[in-house]
Amino acid sequence: MSLVCDPSTDGARYAEYSATAAKQAVALRAAADRIGTTTNTIGRQVAAVEFQSPSAADFRRRAEGVDAELRGVARRLTDLAETLDRTGRHYAELHLDWLAKRGAAGLTGG
């Protein structure tokens, strides 16, 4: 990751950034899980219905298309959550580095 400890930044903010990223990653994973549960339910319900007319077959194709799109959204949310996890870990490392530098300089607080 290209983020570096910026000397002009209050290093205590890095801990806030890390916590925010972790919290948002959890929220995105929860949304992805809800989408997955919903698509599974829809898929079972569509599969259980007997389709015999051309319009019913068209409905099945459309439902399968929506299912595929929702699964894609869930994958993208999960990927974004993983990116936020990496970003959060990086900011946590920057915060620890900042704390260590403050300690080495004899500074307290923050």
N, C-alpha and C. Protein backbone atom coordinates (compact mmCIF):
# COMPACT_ATOMS: atom_id res chain seq x y z
N MET A 1 0.84 -1.17 0.00
CA MET A 1 0.00 0.00 0.00
C MET A 1 0.89 1.24 0.00
N SER A 2 0.46 2.30 -0.63
CA SER A 2 1.29 3.47 -0.80
C SER A 2 1.13 4.50 0.32
N LEU A 3 0.31 4.21 1.30
CA LEU A 3 0.13 5.16 2.40
C LEU A 3 1.37 5.17 3.28
N VAL A 4 1.81 6.36 3.64
CA VAL A 4 2.96 6.49 4.54
C VAL A 4 2.56 7.39 5.69
N CYS A 5 3.33 7.31 6.74
CA CYS A 5 3.06 8.14 7.91
C CYS A 5 3.36 9.59 7.54
N ASP A 6 2.34 10.40 7.51
CA ASP A 6 2.45 11.82 7.16
C ASP A 6 2.75 12.59 8.42
N PRO A 7 3.93 13.25 8.49
CA PRO A 7 4.29 13.97 9.71
C PRO A 7 3.34 15.12 10.07
N SER A 8 2.61 15.62 9.08
CA SER A 8 1.68 16.71 9.36
C SER A 8 0.35 16.21 9.91
N THR A 9 0.13 14.90 9.90
CA THR A 9 -1.12 14.32 10.37
C THR A 9 -1.01 13.97 11.84
N ASP A 10 -2.05 14.29 12.58
CA ASP A 10 -2.11 13.87 13.97
C ASP A 10 -2.22 12.35 13.95
N GLY A 11 -1.19 11.67 14.40
CA GLY A 11 -1.14 10.22 14.33
C GLY A 11 -2.27 9.52 15.06
N ALA A 12 -2.88 10.19 16.01
CA ALA A 12 -4.02 9.58 16.71
C ALA A 12 -5.17 9.35 15.73
N ARG A 13 -5.21 10.14 14.69
CA ARG A 13 -6.25 9.98 13.67
C ARG A 13 -6.12 8.63 12.96
N TYR A 14 -4.89 8.11 12.86
CA TYR A 14 -4.70 6.82 12.20
C TYR A 14 -5.51 5.73 12.89
N ALA A 15 -5.60 5.77 14.20
CA ALA A 15 -6.40 4.79 14.93
C ALA A 15 -7.88 4.94 14.57
N GLU A 16 -8.34 6.17 14.43
CA GLU A 16 -9.73 6.41 14.03
C GLU A 16 -9.98 5.88 12.62
N TYR A 17 -9.05 6.14 11.71
CA TYR A 17 -9.19 5.65 10.34
C TYR A 17 -9.27 4.12 10.32
N SER A 18 -8.41 3.50 11.10
CA SER A 18 -8.38 2.04 11.17
C SER A 18 -9.70 1.49 11.68
N ALA A 19 -10.21 2.08 12.76
CA ALA A 19 -11.48 1.62 13.34
C ALA A 19 -12.64 1.84 12.36
N THR A 20 -12.64 2.98 11.67
CA THR A 20 -13.70 3.26 10.70
C THR A 20 -13.66 2.24 9.56
N ALA A 21 -12.48 1.95 9.06
CA ALA A 21 -12.36 0.97 7.97
C ALA A 21 -12.85 -0.40 8.42
N ALA A 22 -12.49 -0.80 9.63
CA ALA A 22 -12.92 -2.12 10.14
C ALA A 22 -14.43 -2.17 10.29
N LYS A 23 -15.02 -1.08 10.82
CA LYS A 23 -16.47 -1.04 11.00
C LYS A 23 -17.20 -1.09 9.68
N GLN A 24 -16.70 -0.38 8.70
CA GLN A 24 -17.34 -0.37 7.38
C GLN A 24 -17.19 -1.73 6.69
N ALA A 25 -16.06 -2.39 6.89
CA ALA A 25 -15.86 -3.72 6.31
C ALA A 25 -16.88 -4.70 6.87
N VAL A 26 -17.14 -4.61 8.16
CA VAL A 26 -18.15 -5.48 8.79
C VAL A 26 -19.53 -5.20 8.18
N ALA A 27 -19.85 -3.93 8.00
CA ALA A 27 -21.16 -3.56 7.42
C ALA A 27 -21.29 -4.09 5.99
N LEU A 28 -20.21 -3.98 5.20
CA LEU A 28 -20.27 -4.47 3.82
C LEU A 28 -20.42 -5.99 3.76
N ARG A 29 -19.71 -6.68 4.66
CA ARG A 29 -19.85 -8.15 4.70
C ARG A 29 -21.26 -8.55 5.10
N ALA A 30 -21.85 -7.82 6.04
CA ALA A 30 -23.22 -8.12 6.46
C ALA A 30 -24.18 -7.91 5.29
N ALA A 31 -23.98 -6.84 4.53
CA ALA A 31 -24.83 -6.59 3.36
C ALA A 31 -24.66 -7.69 2.32
N ALA A 32 -23.42 -8.11 2.10
CA ALA A 32 -23.16 -9.19 1.14
C ALA A 32 -23.83 -10.48 1.60
N ASP A 33 -23.78 -10.76 2.90
CA ASP A 33 -24.44 -11.95 3.44
C ASP A 33 -25.95 -11.89 3.25
N ARG A 34 -26.53 -10.71 3.50
CA ARG A 34 -27.98 -10.56 3.31
C ARG A 34 -28.37 -10.76 1.85
N ILE A 35 -27.56 -10.22 0.95
CA ILE A 35 -27.83 -10.41 -0.48
C ILE A 35 -27.74 -11.90 -0.82
N GLY A 36 -26.73 -12.58 -0.29
CA GLY A 36 -26.58 -14.01 -0.55
C GLY A 36 -27.77 -14.80 -0.06
N THR A 37 -28.24 -14.48 1.13
CA THR A 37 -29.41 -15.16 1.69
C THR A 37 -30.63 -14.91 0.82
N THR A 38 -30.79 -13.67 0.40
CA THR A 38 -31.94 -13.31 -0.43
C THR A 38 -31.90 -14.03 -1.77
N THR A 39 -30.74 -14.05 -2.41
CA THR A 39 -30.65 -14.71 -3.72
C THR A 39 -30.90 -16.21 -3.58
N ASN A 40 -30.43 -16.80 -2.49
CA ASN A 40 -30.70 -18.23 -2.28
C ASN A 40 -32.19 -18.49 -2.13
N THR A 41 -32.87 -17.63 -1.39
CA THR A 41 -34.32 -17.78 -1.18
C THR A 41 -35.07 -17.61 -2.50
N ILE A 42 -34.71 -16.56 -3.24
CA ILE A 42 -35.36 -16.32 -4.53
C ILE A 42 -35.11 -17.49 -5.47
N GLY A 43 -33.89 -17.96 -5.52
CA GLY A 43 -33.56 -19.07 -6.40
C GLY A 43 -34.37 -20.33 -6.08
N ARG A 44 -34.51 -20.63 -4.79
CA ARG A 44 -35.31 -21.80 -4.40
C ARG A 44 -36.77 -21.61 -4.78
N GLN A 45 -37.29 -20.42 -4.58
CA GLN A 45 -38.70 -20.16 -4.89
C GLN A 45 -38.96 -20.23 -6.39
N VAL A 46 -38.06 -19.66 -7.19
CA VAL A 46 -38.23 -19.70 -8.64
C VAL A 46 -38.11 -21.14 -9.13
N ALA A 47 -37.18 -21.89 -8.58
CA ALA A 47 -37.00 -23.29 -9.00
C ALA A 47 -38.21 -24.14 -8.64
N ALA A 48 -38.90 -23.78 -7.57
CA ALA A 48 -40.03 -24.58 -7.11
C ALA A 48 -41.29 -24.36 -7.94
N VAL A 49 -41.35 -23.25 -8.65
CA VAL A 49 -42.53 -22.93 -9.44
C VAL A 49 -42.49 -23.69 -10.76
N GLU A 50 -43.61 -24.20 -11.16
CA GLU A 50 -43.69 -24.92 -12.44
C GLU A 50 -43.92 -23.90 -13.55
N PHE A 51 -43.02 -23.91 -14.52
CA PHE A 51 -43.10 -22.98 -15.64
C PHE A 51 -43.53 -23.74 -16.88
N GLN A 52 -44.63 -23.28 -17.46
CA GLN A 52 -45.11 -23.97 -18.65
C GLN A 52 -45.43 -23.02 -19.80
N SER A 53 -45.56 -21.75 -19.55
CA SER A 53 -45.88 -20.82 -20.63
C SER A 53 -44.62 -20.05 -21.05
N PRO A 54 -44.63 -19.46 -22.25
CA PRO A 54 -43.48 -18.67 -22.69
C PRO A 54 -43.20 -17.49 -21.76
N SER A 55 -44.24 -16.84 -21.23
CA SER A 55 -44.00 -15.71 -20.33
C SER A 55 -43.40 -16.20 -19.01
N ALA A 56 -43.77 -17.37 -18.58
CA ALA A 56 -43.19 -17.93 -17.36
C ALA A 56 -41.71 -18.25 -17.57
N ALA A 57 -41.37 -18.77 -18.73
CA ALA A 57 -39.97 -19.05 -19.04
C ALA A 57 -39.17 -17.75 -19.09
N ASP A 58 -39.77 -16.70 -19.64
CA ASP A 58 -39.12 -15.40 -19.67
C ASP A 58 -38.89 -14.89 -18.25
N PHE A 59 -39.88 -15.09 -17.38
CA PHE A 59 -39.73 -14.69 -15.98
C PHE A 59 -38.55 -15.42 -15.34
N ARG A 60 -38.43 -16.72 -15.59
CA ARG A 60 -37.34 -17.50 -15.02
C ARG A 60 -35.99 -16.95 -15.49
N ARG A 61 -35.87 -16.66 -16.79
CA ARG A 61 -34.62 -16.10 -17.31
C ARG A 61 -34.29 -14.77 -16.64
N ARG A 62 -35.31 -13.94 -16.51
CA ARG A 62 -35.08 -12.63 -15.87
C ARG A 62 -34.70 -12.80 -14.40
N ALA A 63 -35.37 -13.70 -13.71
CA ALA A 63 -35.05 -13.95 -12.29
C ALA A 63 -33.63 -14.48 -12.17
N GLU A 64 -33.22 -15.36 -13.08
CA GLU A 64 -31.85 -15.87 -13.04
C GLU A 64 -30.85 -14.76 -13.33
N GLY A 65 -31.21 -13.83 -14.22
CA GLY A 65 -30.34 -12.70 -14.51
C GLY A 65 -30.18 -11.79 -13.31
N VAL A 66 -31.29 -11.53 -12.63
CA VAL A 66 -31.23 -10.70 -11.42
C VAL A 66 -30.40 -11.40 -10.35
N ASP A 67 -30.59 -12.70 -10.23
CA ASP A 67 -29.82 -13.49 -9.26
C ASP A 67 -28.33 -13.35 -9.53
N ALA A 68 -27.93 -13.48 -10.79
CA ALA A 68 -26.52 -13.36 -11.15
C ALA A 68 -25.99 -11.95 -10.85
N GLU A 69 -26.80 -10.94 -11.13
CA GLU A 69 -26.38 -9.56 -10.84
C GLU A 69 -26.22 -9.35 -9.33
N LEU A 70 -27.16 -9.86 -8.55
CA LEU A 70 -27.07 -9.72 -7.09
C LEU A 70 -25.85 -10.44 -6.54
N ARG A 71 -25.57 -11.61 -7.06
CA ARG A 71 -24.38 -12.34 -6.62
C ARG A 71 -23.11 -11.55 -6.97
N GLY A 72 -23.12 -10.89 -8.12
CA GLY A 72 -21.98 -10.04 -8.50
C GLY A 72 -21.81 -8.87 -7.54
N VAL A 73 -22.93 -8.28 -7.15
CA VAL A 73 -22.88 -7.18 -6.18
C VAL A 73 -22.31 -7.69 -4.85
N ALA A 74 -22.76 -8.85 -4.42
CA ALA A 74 -22.26 -9.42 -3.16
C ALA A 74 -20.76 -9.67 -3.24
N ARG A 75 -20.28 -10.18 -4.38
CA ARG A 75 -18.83 -10.40 -4.54
C ARG A 75 -18.07 -9.08 -4.49
N ARG A 76 -18.61 -8.04 -5.14
CA ARG A 76 -17.93 -6.74 -5.12
C ARG A 76 -17.92 -6.15 -3.71
N LEU A 77 -19.00 -6.32 -2.97
CA LEU A 77 -19.03 -5.83 -1.59
C LEU A 77 -17.99 -6.56 -0.74
N THR A 78 -17.88 -7.87 -0.94
CA THR A 78 -16.89 -8.65 -0.19
C THR A 78 -15.48 -8.21 -0.56
N ASP A 79 -15.23 -7.98 -1.84
CA ASP A 79 -13.92 -7.50 -2.28
C ASP A 79 -13.60 -6.14 -1.65
N LEU A 80 -14.58 -5.27 -1.63
CA LEU A 80 -14.39 -3.95 -1.03
C LEU A 80 -14.13 -4.08 0.47
N ALA A 81 -14.82 -4.99 1.13
CA ALA A 81 -14.59 -5.22 2.56
C ALA A 81 -13.15 -5.69 2.80
N GLU A 82 -12.65 -6.55 1.93
CA GLU A 82 -11.26 -7.01 2.07
C GLU A 82 -10.28 -5.86 1.87
N THR A 83 -10.58 -4.98 0.93
CA THR A 83 -9.73 -3.80 0.72
C THR A 83 -9.76 -2.91 1.96
N LEU A 84 -10.94 -2.73 2.53
CA LEU A 84 -11.04 -1.92 3.76
C LEU A 84 -10.29 -2.58 4.91
N ASP A 85 -10.33 -3.89 4.99
CA ASP A 85 -9.55 -4.58 6.03
C ASP A 85 -8.06 -4.30 5.87
N ARG A 86 -7.57 -4.40 4.64
CA ARG A 86 -6.14 -4.12 4.40
C ARG A 86 -5.81 -2.67 4.74
N THR A 87 -6.69 -1.76 4.34
CA THR A 87 -6.47 -0.34 4.63
C THR A 87 -6.48 -0.10 6.14
N GLY A 88 -7.43 -0.72 6.82
CA GLY A 88 -7.51 -0.58 8.28
C GLY A 88 -6.26 -1.10 8.97
N ARG A 89 -5.76 -2.25 8.51
CA ARG A 89 -4.53 -2.79 9.10
C ARG A 89 -3.36 -1.85 8.86
N HIS A 90 -3.31 -1.27 7.67
CA HIS A 90 -2.23 -0.34 7.36
C HIS A 90 -2.28 0.88 8.27
N TYR A 91 -3.48 1.43 8.44
CA TYR A 91 -3.60 2.59 9.35
C TYR A 91 -3.28 2.21 10.78
N ALA A 92 -3.61 1.00 11.19
CA ALA A 92 -3.24 0.55 12.53
C ALA A 92 -1.72 0.50 12.67
N GLU A 93 -1.04 0.03 11.62
CA GLU A 93 0.42 0.02 11.64
C GLU A 93 0.99 1.44 11.69
N LEU A 94 0.39 2.35 10.93
CA LEU A 94 0.84 3.74 10.97
C LEU A 94 0.65 4.33 12.36
N HIS A 95 -0.47 3.99 13.00
CA HIS A 95 -0.73 4.49 14.34
C HIS A 95 0.32 3.96 15.32
N LEU A 96 0.62 2.67 15.23
CA LEU A 96 1.64 2.10 16.12
C LEU A 96 3.00 2.72 15.86
N ASP A 97 3.32 2.97 14.60
CA ASP A 97 4.58 3.62 14.25
C ASP A 97 4.63 5.03 14.84
N TRP A 98 3.51 5.73 14.72
CA TRP A 98 3.43 7.09 15.26
C TRP A 98 3.62 7.07 16.79
N LEU A 99 2.95 6.11 17.45
CA LEU A 99 3.10 5.99 18.90
C LEU A 99 4.55 5.69 19.28
N ALA A 100 5.19 4.80 18.54
CA ALA A 100 6.58 4.45 18.83
C ALA A 100 7.49 5.66 18.66
N LYS A 101 7.26 6.45 17.62
CA LYS A 101 8.08 7.64 17.39
C LYS A 101 7.86 8.67 18.48
N ARG A 102 6.62 8.81 18.93
CA ARG A 102 6.33 9.74 20.03
C ARG A 102 7.02 9.28 21.30
N GLY A 103 6.97 7.96 21.54
CA GLY A 103 7.64 7.42 22.74
C GLY A 103 9.13 7.61 22.68
N ALA A 104 9.73 7.41 21.50
CA ALA A 104 11.17 7.58 21.34
C ALA A 104 11.57 9.04 21.51
N ALA A 105 10.66 9.94 21.17
CA ALA A 105 10.95 11.38 21.29
C ALA A 105 10.64 11.90 22.70
N GLY A 106 10.12 11.00 23.56
CA GLY A 106 9.79 11.40 24.92
C GLY A 106 8.48 12.15 25.05
N LEU A 107 7.63 12.05 24.03
CA LEU A 107 6.32 12.71 24.06
C LEU A 107 5.32 11.79 24.73
N THR A 108 4.33 12.37 25.36
CA THR A 108 3.28 11.58 25.98
C THR A 108 1.93 12.04 25.48
N GLY A 109 0.94 11.23 25.73
CA GLY A 109 -0.43 11.60 25.34
C GLY A 109 -0.69 11.17 23.91
N GLY A 110 -1.99 11.42 23.46
CA GLY A 110 -2.39 11.13 22.09
C GLY A 110 -2.64 9.70 21.87
